[in-house]
PDB file of N, CA and C in Angstrom:
ATOM      1  N   MET A   1       0.806  -1.164   0.000  1.00  0.00           N
ATOM      2  CA  MET A   1       0.000   0.000   0.000  1.00  0.00           C
ATOM      3  C   MET A   1       0.871   1.258   0.000  1.00  0.00           C
ATOM      4  N   ALA A   2       0.541   2.198  -0.872  1.00  0.00           N
ATOM      5  CA  ALA A   2       1.328   3.425  -0.984  1.00  0.00           C
ATOM      6  C   ALA A   2       0.957   4.391   0.129  1.00  0.00           C
ATOM      7  N   GLN A   3       1.976   5.025   0.626  1.00  0.00           N
ATOM      8  CA  GLN A   3       1.749   6.021   1.674  1.00  0.00           C
ATOM      9  C   GLN A   3       1.351   7.351   1.060  1.00  0.00           C
ATOM     10  N   GLN A   4       0.406   8.005   1.690  1.00  0.00           N
ATOM     11  CA  GLN A   4      -0.003   9.328   1.214  1.00  0.00           C
ATOM     12  C   GLN A   4       0.738  10.386   2.023  1.00  0.00           C
ATOM     13  N   THR A   5       1.294  11.332   1.307  1.00  0.00           N
ATOM     14  CA  THR A   5       1.971  12.434   2.000  1.00  0.00           C
ATOM     15  C   THR A   5       0.992  13.585   2.153  1.00  0.00           C
ATOM     16  N   GLN A   6       1.060  14.193   3.278  1.00  0.00           N
ATOM     17  CA  GLN A   6       0.163  15.297   3.565  1.00  0.00           C
ATOM     18  C   GLN A   6       0.869  16.617   3.269  1.00  0.00           C
ATOM     19  N   ILE A   7       0.222  17.442   2.480  1.00  0.00           N
ATOM     20  CA  ILE A   7       0.779  18.737   2.113  1.00  0.00           C
ATOM     21  C   ILE A   7       0.323  19.767   3.139  1.00  0.00           C
ATOM     22  N   LYS A   8       1.279  20.482   3.695  1.00  0.00           N
ATOM     23  CA  LYS A   8       0.972  21.500   4.694  1.00  0.00           C
ATOM     24  C   LYS A   8       1.091  22.887   4.081  1.00  0.00           C
ATOM     25  N   ALA A   9       0.312  23.782   4.614  1.00  0.00           N
ATOM     26  CA  ALA A   9       0.384  25.181   4.183  1.00  0.00           C
ATOM     27  C   ALA A   9       1.734  25.759   4.609  1.00  0.00           C
ATOM     28  N   PRO A  10       2.285  26.669   3.821  1.00  0.00           N
ATOM     29  CA  PRO A  10       3.605  27.211   4.154  1.00  0.00           C
ATOM     30  C   PRO A  10       3.633  28.035   5.433  1.00  0.00           C
ATOM     31  N   GLY A  11       2.516  28.507   5.903  1.00  0.00           N
ATOM     32  CA  GLY A  11       2.500  29.307   7.124  1.00  0.00           C
ATOM     33  C   GLY A  11       2.637  30.781   6.840  1.00  0.00           C
ATOM     34  N   ARG A  12       2.538  31.544   7.872  1.00  0.00           N
ATOM     35  CA  ARG A  12       2.590  32.998   7.761  1.00  0.00           C
ATOM     36  C   ARG A  12       4.037  33.469   7.639  1.00  0.00           C
ATOM     37  N   PHE A  13       4.245  34.428   6.751  1.00  0.00           N
ATOM     38  CA  PHE A  13       5.570  34.995   6.550  1.00  0.00           C
ATOM     39  C   PHE A  13       5.866  35.991   7.663  1.00  0.00           C
ATOM     40  N   THR A  14       6.982  35.825   8.310  1.00  0.00           N
ATOM     41  CA  THR A  14       7.367  36.753   9.376  1.00  0.00           C
ATOM     42  C   THR A  14       8.712  37.390   9.034  1.00  0.00           C
ATOM     43  N   ILE A  15       8.836  38.636   9.409  1.00  0.00           N
ATOM     44  CA  ILE A  15      10.069  39.382   9.166  1.00  0.00           C
ATOM     45  C   ILE A  15      10.858  39.407  10.462  1.00  0.00           C
ATOM     46  N   SER A  16      12.138  39.153  10.355  1.00  0.00           N
ATOM     47  CA  SER A  16      12.971  39.103  11.553  1.00  0.00           C
ATOM     48  C   SER A  16      13.059  40.481  12.212  1.00  0.00           C
ATOM     49  N   SER A  17      13.334  40.477  13.490  1.00  0.00           N
ATOM     50  CA  SER A  17      13.421  41.748  14.218  1.00  0.00           C
ATOM     51  C   SER A  17      14.609  42.578  13.737  1.00  0.00           C
ATOM     52  N   LYS A  18      15.657  41.918  13.287  1.00  0.00           N
ATOM     53  CA  LYS A  18      16.817  42.639  12.761  1.00  0.00           C
ATOM     54  C   LYS A  18      16.439  43.403  11.485  1.00  0.00           C
ATOM     55  N   THR A  19      15.687  42.759  10.609  1.00  0.00           N
ATOM     56  CA  THR A  19      15.249  43.408   9.381  1.00  0.00           C
ATOM     57  C   THR A  19      14.271  44.538   9.679  1.00  0.00           C
ATOM     58  N   GLN A  20      13.392  44.335  10.643  1.00  0.00           N
ATOM     59  CA  GLN A  20      12.453  45.388  11.027  1.00  0.00           C
ATOM     60  C   GLN A  20      13.192  46.598  11.587  1.00  0.00           C
ATOM     61  N   THR A  21      14.191  46.351  12.419  1.00  0.00           N
ATOM     62  CA  THR A  21      14.974  47.449  13.000  1.00  0.00           C
ATOM     63  C   THR A  21      15.721  48.209  11.913  1.00  0.00           C
ATOM     64  N   LEU A  22      16.315  47.478  10.988  1.00  0.00           N
ATOM     65  CA  LEU A  22      17.032  48.111   9.882  1.00  0.00           C
ATOM     66  C   LEU A  22      16.077  48.951   9.035  1.00  0.00           C
ATOM     67  N   SER A  23      14.910  48.420   8.729  1.00  0.00           N
ATOM     68  CA  SER A  23      13.923  49.150   7.922  1.00  0.00           C
ATOM     69  C   SER A  23      13.461  50.418   8.624  1.00  0.00           C
ATOM     70  N   MET A  24      13.184  50.318   9.913  1.00  0.00           N
ATOM     71  CA  MET A  24      12.752  51.498  10.663  1.00  0.00           C
ATOM     72  C   MET A  24      13.862  52.542  10.729  1.00  0.00           C
ATOM     73  N   GLY A  25      15.086  52.094  10.876  1.00  0.00           N
ATOM     74  CA  GLY A  25      16.214  53.018  10.891  1.00  0.00           C
ATOM     75  C   GLY A  25      16.372  53.749   9.570  1.00  0.00           C
ATOM     76  N   LEU A  26      16.233  53.030   8.464  1.00  0.00           N
ATOM     77  CA  LEU A  26      16.348  53.651   7.147  1.00  0.00           C
ATOM     78  C   LEU A  26      15.191  54.611   6.880  1.00  0.00           C
ATOM     79  N   MET A  27      13.993  54.257   7.357  1.00  0.00           N
ATOM     80  CA  MET A  27      12.859  55.175   7.200  1.00  0.00           C
ATOM     81  C   MET A  27      13.092  56.447   8.001  1.00  0.00           C
ATOM     82  N   PHE A  28      13.661  56.326   9.183  1.00  0.00           N
ATOM     83  CA  PHE A  28      13.954  57.497  10.005  1.00  0.00           C
ATOM     84  C   PHE A  28      14.990  58.380   9.324  1.00  0.00           C
ATOM     85  N   VAL A  29      16.034  57.768   8.763  1.00  0.00           N
ATOM     86  CA  VAL A  29      17.071  58.532   8.066  1.00  0.00           C
ATOM     87  C   VAL A  29      16.468  59.263   6.863  1.00  0.00           C
ATOM     88  N   GLY A  30      15.581  58.595   6.125  1.00  0.00           N
ATOM     89  CA  GLY A  30      14.938  59.231   4.979  1.00  0.00           C
ATOM     90  C   GLY A  30      14.057  60.396   5.381  1.00  0.00           C
ATOM     91  N   ALA A  31      13.269  60.216   6.441  1.00  0.00           N
ATOM     92  CA  ALA A  31      12.399  61.299   6.923  1.00  0.00           C
ATOM     93  C   ALA A  31      13.229  62.466   7.439  1.00  0.00           C
ATOM     94  N   LEU A  32      14.328  62.173   8.121  1.00  0.00           N
ATOM     95  CA  LEU A  32      15.209  63.218   8.626  1.00  0.00           C
ATOM     96  C   LEU A  32      15.867  63.974   7.475  1.00  0.00           C
ATOM     97  N   ALA A  33      16.308  63.239   6.453  1.00  0.00           N
ATOM     98  CA  ALA A  33      16.923  63.893   5.290  1.00  0.00           C
ATOM     99  C   ALA A  33      15.918  64.792   4.569  1.00  0.00           C
ATOM    100  N   PHE A  34      14.664  64.327   4.471  1.00  0.00           N
ATOM    101  CA  PHE A  34      13.623  65.147   3.846  1.00  0.00           C
ATOM    102  C   PHE A  34      13.372  66.416   4.658  1.00  0.00           C
ATOM    103  N   ALA A  35      13.303  66.281   5.973  1.00  0.00           N
ATOM    104  CA  ALA A  35      13.068  67.445   6.843  1.00  0.00           C
ATOM    105  C   ALA A  35      14.207  68.444   6.750  1.00  0.00           C
ATOM    106  N   ILE A  36      15.434  67.960   6.715  1.00  0.00           N
ATOM    107  CA  ILE A  36      16.590  68.859   6.587  1.00  0.00           C
ATOM    108  C   ILE A  36      16.569  69.549   5.229  1.00  0.00           C
ATOM    109  N   MET A  37      16.208  68.786   4.195  1.00  0.00           N
ATOM    110  CA  MET A  37      16.180  69.347   2.845  1.00  0.00           C
ATOM    111  C   MET A  37      15.094  70.422   2.704  1.00  0.00           C
ATOM    112  N   LEU A  38      14.025  70.306   3.490  1.00  0.00           N
ATOM    113  CA  LEU A  38      12.991  71.341   3.456  1.00  0.00           C
ATOM    114  C   LEU A  38      13.541  72.698   3.881  1.00  0.00           C
ATOM    115  N   PHE A  39      14.522  72.700   4.775  1.00  0.00           N
ATOM    116  CA  PHE A  39      15.127  73.957   5.219  1.00  0.00           C
ATOM    117  C   PHE A  39      16.203  74.449   4.256  1.00  0.00           C
ATOM    118  N   ILE A  40      16.874  73.522   3.568  1.00  0.00           N
ATOM    119  CA  ILE A  40      17.951  73.907   2.655  1.00  0.00           C
ATOM    120  C   ILE A  40      17.386  74.368   1.314  1.00  0.00           C
ATOM    121  N   ASP A  41      16.594  73.529   0.670  1.00  0.00           N
ATOM    122  CA  ASP A  41      16.002  73.855  -0.633  1.00  0.00           C
ATOM    123  C   ASP A  41      14.611  73.227  -0.688  1.00  0.00           C
ATOM    124  N   ARG A  42      13.627  74.025  -0.310  1.00  0.00           N
ATOM    125  CA  ARG A  42      12.256  73.535  -0.158  1.00  0.00           C
ATOM    126  C   ARG A  42      11.686  72.960  -1.459  1.00  0.00           C
ATOM    127  N   GLU A  43      11.879  73.663  -2.551  1.00  0.00           N
ATOM    128  CA  GLU A  43      11.322  73.215  -3.835  1.00  0.00           C
ATOM    129  C   GLU A  43      11.936  71.892  -4.283  1.00  0.00           C
ATOM    130  N   ARG A  44      13.234  71.758  -4.135  1.00  0.00           N
ATOM    131  CA  ARG A  44      13.911  70.517  -4.525  1.00  0.00           C
ATOM    132  C   ARG A  44      13.471  69.342  -3.652  1.00  0.00           C
ATOM    133  N   ALA A  45      13.245  69.599  -2.370  1.00  0.00           N
ATOM    134  CA  ALA A  45      12.785  68.538  -1.467  1.00  0.00           C
ATOM    135  C   ALA A  45      11.417  68.022  -1.897  1.00  0.00           C
ATOM    136  N   TRP A  46      10.505  68.928  -2.241  1.00  0.00           N
ATOM    137  CA  TRP A  46       9.175  68.498  -2.657  1.00  0.00           C
ATOM    138  C   TRP A  46       9.196  67.812  -4.016  1.00  0.00           C
ATOM    139  N   HIS A  47      10.085  68.214  -4.888  1.00  0.00           N
ATOM    140  CA  HIS A  47      10.210  67.515  -6.179  1.00  0.00           C
ATOM    141  C   HIS A  47      10.744  66.093  -5.976  1.00  0.00           C
ATOM    142  N   GLY A  48      11.680  65.935  -5.066  1.00  0.00           N
ATOM    143  CA  GLY A  48      12.173  64.599  -4.741  1.00  0.00           C
ATOM    144  C   GLY A  48      11.094  63.726  -4.120  1.00  0.00           C
ATOM    145  N   TYR A  49      10.302  64.319  -3.237  1.00  0.00           N
ATOM    146  CA  TYR A  49       9.195  63.592  -2.615  1.00  0.00           C
ATOM    147  C   TYR A  49       8.192  63.156  -3.678  1.00  0.00           C
ATOM    148  N   LEU A  50       7.861  64.065  -4.595  1.00  0.00           N
ATOM    149  CA  LEU A  50       6.903  63.760  -5.654  1.00  0.00           C
ATOM    150  C   LEU A  50       7.390  62.618  -6.540  1.00  0.00           C
ATOM    151  N   THR A  51       8.669  62.627  -6.872  1.00  0.00           N
ATOM    152  CA  THR A  51       9.229  61.569  -7.709  1.00  0.00           C
ATOM    153  C   THR A  51       9.144  60.207  -7.016  1.00  0.00           C
ATOM    154  N   GLY A  52       9.554  60.153  -5.769  1.00  0.00           N
ATOM    155  CA  GLY A  52       9.480  58.896  -5.024  1.00  0.00           C
ATOM    156  C   GLY A  52       8.055  58.438  -4.794  1.00  0.00           C
ATOM    157  N   TYR A  53       7.174  59.388  -4.512  1.00  0.00           N
ATOM    158  CA  TYR A  53       5.773  59.062  -4.275  1.00  0.00           C
ATOM    159  C   TYR A  53       5.156  58.429  -5.514  1.00  0.00           C
ATOM    160  N   PHE A  54       5.317  59.059  -6.660  1.00  0.00           N
ATOM    161  CA  PHE A  54       4.706  58.532  -7.874  1.00  0.00           C
ATOM    162  C   PHE A  54       5.337  57.223  -8.332  1.00  0.00           C
ATOM    163  N   TYR A  55       6.606  57.016  -8.075  1.00  0.00           N
ATOM    164  CA  TYR A  55       7.234  55.740  -8.435  1.00  0.00           C
ATOM    165  C   TYR A  55       6.537  54.584  -7.712  1.00  0.00           C
ATOM    166  N   PHE A  56       6.427  54.683  -6.401  1.00  0.00           N
ATOM    167  CA  PHE A  56       5.822  53.596  -5.649  1.00  0.00           C
ATOM    168  C   PHE A  56       4.309  53.536  -5.839  1.00  0.00           C
ATOM    169  N   PHE A  57       3.670  54.673  -6.046  1.00  0.00           N
ATOM    170  CA  PHE A  57       2.240  54.689  -6.310  1.00  0.00           C
ATOM    171  C   PHE A  57       1.926  53.971  -7.628  1.00  0.00           C
ATOM    172  N   LEU A  58       2.727  54.223  -8.645  1.00  0.00           N
ATOM    173  CA  LEU A  58       2.492  53.569  -9.933  1.00  0.00           C
ATOM    174  C   LEU A  58       2.785  52.080  -9.874  1.00  0.00           C
ATOM    175  N   LEU A  59       3.738  51.657  -9.054  1.00  0.00           N
ATOM    176  CA  LEU A  59       3.941  50.214  -8.856  1.00  0.00           C
ATOM    177  C   LEU A  59       2.698  49.575  -8.244  1.00  0.00           C
ATOM    178  N   ALA A  60       2.115  50.243  -7.265  1.00  0.00           N
ATOM    179  CA  ALA A  60       0.904  49.714  -6.624  1.00  0.00           C
ATOM    180  C   ALA A  60      -0.268  49.676  -7.593  1.00  0.00           C
ATOM    181  N   ILE A  61      -0.437  50.727  -8.373  1.00  0.00           N
ATOM    182  CA  ILE A  61      -1.523  50.760  -9.357  1.00  0.00           C
ATOM    183  C   ILE A  61      -1.299  49.710 -10.443  1.00  0.00           C
ATOM    184  N   GLY A  62      -0.061  49.530 -10.861  1.00  0.00           N
ATOM    185  CA  GLY A  62       0.248  48.484 -11.840  1.00  0.00           C
ATOM    186  C   GLY A  62      -0.074  47.102 -11.298  1.00  0.00           C
ATOM    187  N   GLY A  63       0.241  46.855 -10.036  1.00  0.00           N
ATOM    188  CA  GLY A  63      -0.106  45.578  -9.414  1.00  0.00           C
ATOM    189  C   GLY A  63      -1.599  45.371  -9.343  1.00  0.00           C
ATOM    190  N   LEU A  64      -2.331  46.439  -9.033  1.00  0.00           N
ATOM    191  CA  LEU A  64      -3.789  46.360  -8.987  1.00  0.00           C
ATOM    192  C   LEU A  64      -4.360  46.068 -10.369  1.00  0.00           C
ATOM    193  N   PHE A  65      -3.835  46.729 -11.384  1.00  0.00           N
ATOM    194  CA  PHE A  65      -4.296  46.508 -12.757  1.00  0.00           C
ATOM    195  C   PHE A  65      -4.017  45.078 -13.203  1.00  0.00           C
ATOM    196  N   PHE A  66      -2.804  44.588 -12.958  1.00  0.00           N
ATOM    197  CA  PHE A  66      -2.451  43.223 -13.354  1.00  0.00           C
ATOM    198  C   PHE A  66      -3.349  42.213 -12.648  1.00  0.00           C
ATOM    199  N   THR A  67      -3.562  42.399 -11.361  1.00  0.00           N
ATOM    200  CA  THR A  67      -4.398  41.482 -10.598  1.00  0.00           C
ATOM    201  C   THR A  67      -5.834  41.501 -11.100  1.00  0.00           C
ATOM    202  N   SER A  68      -6.362  42.687 -11.365  1.00  0.00           N
ATOM    203  CA  SER A  68      -7.745  42.763 -11.829  1.00  0.00           C
ATOM    204  C   SER A  68      -7.912  42.109 -13.198  1.00  0.00           C
ATOM    205  N   ILE A  69      -6.957  42.279 -14.091  1.00  0.00           N
ATOM    206  CA  ILE A  69      -7.031  41.633 -15.407  1.00  0.00           C
ATOM    207  C   ILE A  69      -6.983  40.113 -15.255  1.00  0.00           C
ATOM    208  N   GLN A  70      -6.137  39.624 -14.367  1.00  0.00           N
ATOM    209  CA  GLN A  70      -6.032  38.177 -14.174  1.00  0.00           C
ATOM    210  C   GLN A  70      -7.322  37.602 -13.585  1.00  0.00           C
ATOM    211  N   HIS A  71      -7.940  38.335 -12.674  1.00  0.00           N
ATOM    212  CA  HIS A  71      -9.208  37.866 -12.110  1.00  0.00           C
ATOM    213  C   HIS A  71     -10.343  37.947 -13.128  1.00  0.00           C
ATOM    214  N   LEU A  72     -10.373  39.006 -13.923  1.00  0.00           N
ATOM    215  CA  LEU A  72     -11.438  39.160 -14.921  1.00  0.00           C
ATOM    216  C   LEU A  72     -11.378  38.076 -15.988  1.00  0.00           C
ATOM    217  N   THR A  73     -10.183  37.669 -16.362  1.00  0.00           N
ATOM    218  CA  THR A  73     -10.036  36.652 -17.403  1.00  0.00           C
ATOM    219  C   THR A  73      -9.959  35.238 -16.839  1.00  0.00           C
ATOM    220  N   SER A  74     -10.016  35.108 -15.528  1.00  0.00           N
ATOM    221  CA  SER A  74      -9.912  33.804 -14.848  1.00  0.00           C
ATOM    222  C   SER A  74      -8.659  33.047 -15.287  1.00  0.00           C
ATOM    223  N   ALA A  75      -7.563  33.759 -15.368  1.00  0.00           N
ATOM    224  CA  ALA A  75      -6.297  33.169 -15.807  1.00  0.00           C
ATOM    225  C   ALA A  75      -5.744  32.262 -14.706  1.00  0.00           C
ATOM    226  N   GLY A  76      -5.478  31.034 -15.068  1.00  0.00           N
ATOM    227  CA  GLY A  76      -4.954  30.087 -14.088  1.00  0.00           C
ATOM    228  C   GLY A  76      -3.438  30.069 -14.043  1.00  0.00           C
ATOM    229  N   TRP A  77      -2.802  30.533 -15.108  1.00  0.00           N
ATOM    230  CA  TRP A  77      -1.342  30.462 -15.180  1.00  0.00           C
ATOM    231  C   TRP A  77      -0.657  31.425 -14.235  1.00  0.00           C
ATOM    232  N   SER A  78      -1.362  32.482 -13.818  1.00  0.00           N
ATOM    233  CA  SER A  78      -0.695  33.566 -13.104  1.00  0.00           C
ATOM    234  C   SER A  78      -0.858  33.504 -11.593  1.00  0.00           C
ATOM    235  N   VAL A  79      -1.269  32.367 -11.069  1.00  0.00           N
ATOM    236  CA  VAL A  79      -1.537  32.299  -9.630  1.00  0.00           C
ATOM    237  C   VAL A  79      -0.293  32.632  -8.820  1.00  0.00           C
ATOM    238  N   ASN A  80       0.843  32.073  -9.152  1.00  0.00           N
ATOM    239  CA  ASN A  80       2.069  32.340  -8.394  1.00  0.00           C
ATOM    240  C   ASN A  80       2.567  33.772  -8.580  1.00  0.00           C
ATOM    241  N   VAL A  81       2.502  34.270  -9.789  1.00  0.00           N
ATOM    242  CA  VAL A  81       2.972  35.620 -10.078  1.00  0.00           C
ATOM    243  C   VAL A  81       1.994  36.650  -9.528  1.00  0.00           C
ATOM    244  N   ARG A  82       0.725  36.317  -9.547  1.00  0.00           N
ATOM    245  CA  ARG A  82      -0.315  37.247  -9.104  1.00  0.00           C
ATOM    246  C   ARG A  82      -0.160  37.613  -7.633  1.00  0.00           C
ATOM    247  N   ARG A  83       0.392  36.744  -6.841  1.00  0.00           N
ATOM    248  CA  ARG A  83       0.571  37.022  -5.416  1.00  0.00           C
ATOM    249  C   ARG A  83       1.476  38.238  -5.198  1.00  0.00           C
ATOM    250  N   PHE A  84       2.486  38.380  -6.035  1.00  0.00           N
ATOM    251  CA  PHE A  84       3.372  39.546  -5.927  1.00  0.00           C
ATOM    252  C   PHE A  84       2.622  40.835  -6.248  1.00  0.00           C
ATOM    253  N   SER A  85       1.858  40.805  -7.334  1.00  0.00           N
ATOM    254  CA  SER A  85       1.130  42.022  -7.706  1.00  0.00           C
ATOM    255  C   SER A  85       0.023  42.339  -6.704  1.00  0.00           C
ATOM    256  N   GLU A  86      -0.565  41.320  -6.087  1.00  0.00           N
ATOM    257  CA  GLU A  86      -1.551  41.571  -5.037  1.00  0.00           C
ATOM    258  C   GLU A  86      -0.899  42.233  -3.828  1.00  0.00           C
ATOM    259  N   SER A  87       0.327  41.840  -3.542  1.00  0.00           N
ATOM    260  CA  SER A  87       1.020  42.444  -2.391  1.00  0.00           C
ATOM    261  C   SER A  87       1.379  43.902  -2.658  1.00  0.00           C
ATOM    262  N   PHE A  88       1.573  44.271  -3.912  1.00  0.00           N
ATOM    263  CA  PHE A  88       1.869  45.670  -4.236  1.00  0.00           C
ATOM    264  C   PHE A  88       0.703  46.575  -3.862  1.00  0.00           C
ATOM    265  N   THR A  89      -0.517  46.063  -3.964  1.00  0.00           N
ATOM    266  CA  THR A  89      -1.684  46.891  -3.684  1.00  0.00           C
ATOM    267  C   THR A  89      -1.813  47.219  -2.196  1.00  0.00           C
ATOM    268  N   ALA A  90      -1.076  46.535  -1.343  1.00  0.00           N
ATOM    269  CA  ALA A  90      -1.109  46.847   0.088  1.00  0.00           C
ATOM    270  C   ALA A  90      -0.527  48.232   0.365  1.00  0.00           C
ATOM    271  N   TYR A  91       0.178  48.791  -0.596  1.00  0.00           N
ATOM    272  CA  TYR A  91       0.758  50.125  -0.446  1.00  0.00           C
ATOM    273  C   TYR A  91      -0.271  51.235  -0.662  1.00  0.00           C
ATOM    274  N   LEU A  92      -1.398  50.938  -1.249  1.00  0.00           N
ATOM    275  CA  LEU A  92      -2.361  51.983  -1.610  1.00  0.00           C
ATOM    276  C   LEU A  92      -2.875  52.798  -0.417  1.00  0.00           C
ATOM    277  N   PRO A  93      -3.172  52.213   0.749  1.00  0.00           N
ATOM    278  CA  PRO A  93      -3.556  53.072   1.882  1.00  0.00           C
ATOM    279  C   PRO A  93      -2.426  54.006   2.332  1.00  0.00           C
ATOM    280  N   ILE A  94      -1.200  53.529   2.245  1.00  0.00           N
ATOM    281  CA  ILE A  94      -0.054  54.375   2.584  1.00  0.00           C
ATOM    282  C   ILE A  94       0.086  55.489   1.552  1.00  0.00           C
ATOM    283  N   ALA A  95      -0.200  55.163   0.284  1.00  0.00           N
ATOM    284  CA  ALA A  95      -0.132  56.169  -0.776  1.00  0.00           C
ATOM    285  C   ALA A  95      -1.187  57.248  -0.575  1.00  0.00           C
ATOM    286  N   PHE A  96      -2.326  56.886  -0.018  1.00  0.00           N
ATOM    287  CA  PHE A  96      -3.352  57.887   0.275  1.00  0.00           C
ATOM    288  C   PHE A  96      -2.828  58.903   1.285  1.00  0.00           C
ATOM    289  N   VAL A  97      -2.205  58.422   2.332  1.00  0.00           N
ATOM    290  CA  VAL A  97      -1.625  59.314   3.343  1.00  0.00           C
ATOM    291  C   VAL A  97      -0.502  60.141   2.710  1.00  0.00           C
ATOM    292  N   GLY A  98       0.310  59.503   1.864  1.00  0.00           N
ATOM    293  CA  GLY A  98       1.375  60.228   1.169  1.00  0.00           C
ATOM    294  C   GLY A  98       0.834  61.310   0.256  1.00  0.00           C
ATOM    295  N   GLY A  99      -0.332  61.061  -0.346  1.00  0.00           N
ATOM    296  CA  GLY A  99      -0.965  62.072  -1.186  1.00  0.00           C
ATOM    297  C   GLY A  99      -1.437  63.266  -0.383  1.00  0.00           C
ATOM    298  N   LEU A 100      -1.926  63.011   0.821  1.00  0.00           N
ATOM    299  CA  LEU A 100      -2.324  64.115   1.688  1.00  0.00           C
ATOM    300  C   LEU A 100      -1.113  64.954   2.093  1.00  0.00           C
ATOM    301  N   ILE A 101       0.001  64.283   2.354  1.00  0.00           N
ATOM    302  CA  ILE A 101       1.244  65.001   2.677  1.00  0.00           C
ATOM    303  C   ILE A 101       1.707  65.816   1.469  1.00  0.00           C
ATOM    304  N   LEU A 102       1.485  65.265   0.283  1.00  0.00           N
ATOM    305  CA  LEU A 102       1.871  65.957  -0.953  1.00  0.00           C
ATOM    306  C   LEU A 102       1.115  67.275  -1.119  1.00  0.00           C
ATOM    307  N   LEU A 103      -0.096  67.333  -0.603  1.00  0.00           N
ATOM    308  CA  LEU A 103      -0.860  68.585  -0.681  1.00  0.00           C
ATOM    309  C   LEU A 103      -0.204  69.711   0.108  1.00  0.00           C
ATOM    310  N   LEU A 104       0.544  69.357   1.147  1.00  0.00           N
ATOM    311  CA  LEU A 104       1.237  70.378   1.941  1.00  0.00           C
ATOM    312  C   LEU A 104       2.287  71.116   1.123  1.00  0.00           C
ATOM    313  N   GLY A 105       2.923  70.429   0.204  1.00  0.00           N
ATOM    314  CA  GLY A 105       3.953  71.047  -0.617  1.00  0.00           C
ATOM    315  C   GLY A 105       3.484  71.417  -2.001  1.00  0.00           C
ATOM    316  N   GLY A 106       2.174  71.406  -2.215  1.00  0.00           N
ATOM    317  CA  GLY A 106       1.629  71.660  -3.545  1.00  0.00           C
ATOM    318  C   GLY A 106       1.964  73.025  -4.103  1.00  0.00           C
ATOM    319  N   HIS A 107       2.012  74.044  -3.248  1.00  0.00           N
ATOM    320  CA  HIS A 107       2.304  75.393  -3.751  1.00  0.00           C
ATOM    321  C   HIS A 107       3.752  75.518  -4.217  1.00  0.00           C
ATOM    322  N   ASP A 108       4.640  74.642  -3.738  1.00  0.00           N
ATOM    323  CA  ASP A 108       6.022  74.636  -4.226  1.00  0.00           C
ATOM    324  C   ASP A 108       6.148  73.846  -5.528  1.00  0.00           C
ATOM    325  N   LEU A 109       5.189  72.958  -5.785  1.00  0.00           N
ATOM    326  CA  LEU A 109       5.259  72.103  -6.969  1.00  0.00           C
ATOM    327  C   LEU A 109       4.459  72.644  -8.147  1.00  0.00           C
ATOM    328  N   TYR A 110       3.291  73.180  -7.866  1.00  0.00           N
ATOM    329  CA  TYR A 110       2.377  73.574  -8.929  1.00  0.00           C
ATOM    330  C   TYR A 110       2.053  75.061  -8.811  1.00  0.00           C
ATOM    331  N   GLU A 111       2.197  75.775  -9.913  1.00  0.00           N
ATOM    332  CA  GLU A 111       1.947  77.213  -9.916  1.00  0.00           C
ATOM    333  C   GLU A 111       0.492  77.530  -9.608  1.00  0.00           C
ATOM    334  N   TRP A 112      -0.431  76.716 -10.075  1.00  0.00           N
ATOM    335  CA  TRP A 112      -1.846  76.997  -9.900  1.00  0.00           C
ATOM    336  C   TRP A 112      -2.329  76.815  -8.462  1.00  0.00           C
ATOM    337  N   MET A 113      -1.486  76.280  -7.572  1.00  0.00           N
ATOM    338  CA  MET A 113      -1.864  76.159  -6.165  1.00  0.00           C
ATOM    339  C   MET A 113      -1.359  77.341  -5.332  1.00  0.00           C
ATOM    340  N   ASP A 114      -0.568  78.223  -5.944  1.00  0.00           N
ATOM    341  CA  ASP A 114      -0.038  79.399  -5.257  1.00  0.00           C
ATOM    342  C   ASP A 114      -0.938  80.595  -5.585  1.00  0.00           C
ATOM    343  N   LYS A 115      -1.690  81.073  -4.598  1.00  0.00           N
ATOM    344  CA  LYS A 115      -2.668  82.146  -4.828  1.00  0.00           C
ATOM    345  C   LYS A 115      -2.012  83.429  -5.316  1.00  0.00           C
ATOM    346  N   ALA A 116      -0.846  83.745  -4.806  1.00  0.00           N
ATOM    347  CA  ALA A 116      -0.166  84.976  -5.226  1.00  0.00           C
ATOM    348  C   ALA A 116       0.250  84.889  -6.695  1.00  0.00           C
ATOM    349  N   HIS A 117       0.696  83.737  -7.126  1.00  0.00           N
ATOM    350  CA  HIS A 117       1.110  83.570  -8.523  1.00  0.00           C
ATOM    351  C   HIS A 117      -0.104  83.583  -9.442  1.00  0.00           C
ATOM    352  N   VAL A 118      -1.198  82.986  -9.025  1.00  0.00           N
ATOM    353  CA  VAL A 118      -2.411  82.989  -9.837  1.00  0.00           C
ATOM    354  C   VAL A 118      -2.966  84.408  -9.981  1.00  0.00           C
ATOM    355  N   ALA A 119      -2.872  85.192  -8.927  1.00  0.00           N
ATOM    356  CA  ALA A 119      -3.373  86.570  -8.983  1.00  0.00           C
ATOM    357  C   ALA A 119      -2.596  87.421  -9.988  1.00  0.00           C
ATOM    358  N   SER A 120      -1.339  87.103 -10.199  1.00  0.00           N
ATOM    359  CA  SER A 120      -0.524  87.910 -11.112  1.00  0.00           C
ATOM    360  C   SER A 120      -0.469  87.341 -12.530  1.00  0.00           C
ATOM    361  N   ASP A 121      -1.067  86.187 -12.776  1.00  0.00           N
ATOM    362  CA  ASP A 121      -0.994  85.549 -14.086  1.00  0.00           C
ATOM    363  C   ASP A 121      -2.408  85.464 -14.682  1.00  0.00           C
ATOM    364  N   THR A 122      -2.627  86.125 -15.805  1.00  0.00           N
ATOM    365  CA  THR A 122      -3.968  86.151 -16.395  1.00  0.00           C
ATOM    366  C   THR A 122      -4.372  84.787 -16.974  1.00  0.00           C
ATOM    367  N   ILE A 123      -3.436  84.025 -17.451  1.00  0.00           N
ATOM    368  CA  ILE A 123      -3.757  82.700 -18.010  1.00  0.00           C
ATOM    369  C   ILE A 123      -4.243  81.769 -16.915  1.00  0.00           C
ATOM    370  N   LEU A 124      -3.576  81.775 -15.764  1.00  0.00           N
ATOM    371  CA  LEU A 124      -4.003  80.920 -14.662  1.00  0.00           C
ATOM    372  C   LEU A 124      -5.329  81.368 -14.061  1.00  0.00           C
ATOM    373  N   GLN A 125      -5.665  82.636 -14.202  1.00  0.00           N
ATOM    374  CA  GLN A 125      -6.938  83.123 -13.694  1.00  0.00           C
ATOM    375  C   GLN A 125      -8.102  82.601 -14.510  1.00  0.00           C
ATOM    376  N   LYS A 126      -7.887  82.331 -15.766  1.00  0.00           N
ATOM    377  CA  LYS A 126      -8.939  81.826 -16.651  1.00  0.00           C
ATOM    378  C   LYS A 126      -9.113  80.344 -16.449  1.00  0.00           C
TER     379      LYS A 126
END
């Protein structure tokens, strides 16, 4: 009689405390560098923030798009790959908060958000 092997679920993925500490440290260094840059060159700091924000936001949106297409077409081949793109969408709530932060620097990024500049420009007034 052949023995049946039982397949077990892989379990929950856990991140080591060393990796968590390193990640938190790097996030702190990045936030500190952004804060310092706001005092040195405010416009350049907000442009850097915008570039990083949209890079990761577009990765999340791309993952959402790929996942939705795979679900709509009931594609069976992409189950393993789809897990990665599904995980990208976990960034979207963080991107919402990042978008709210982006509004704080909007007048440094976009001319139409600066009331003084709009008042002096007839094209922006229209």
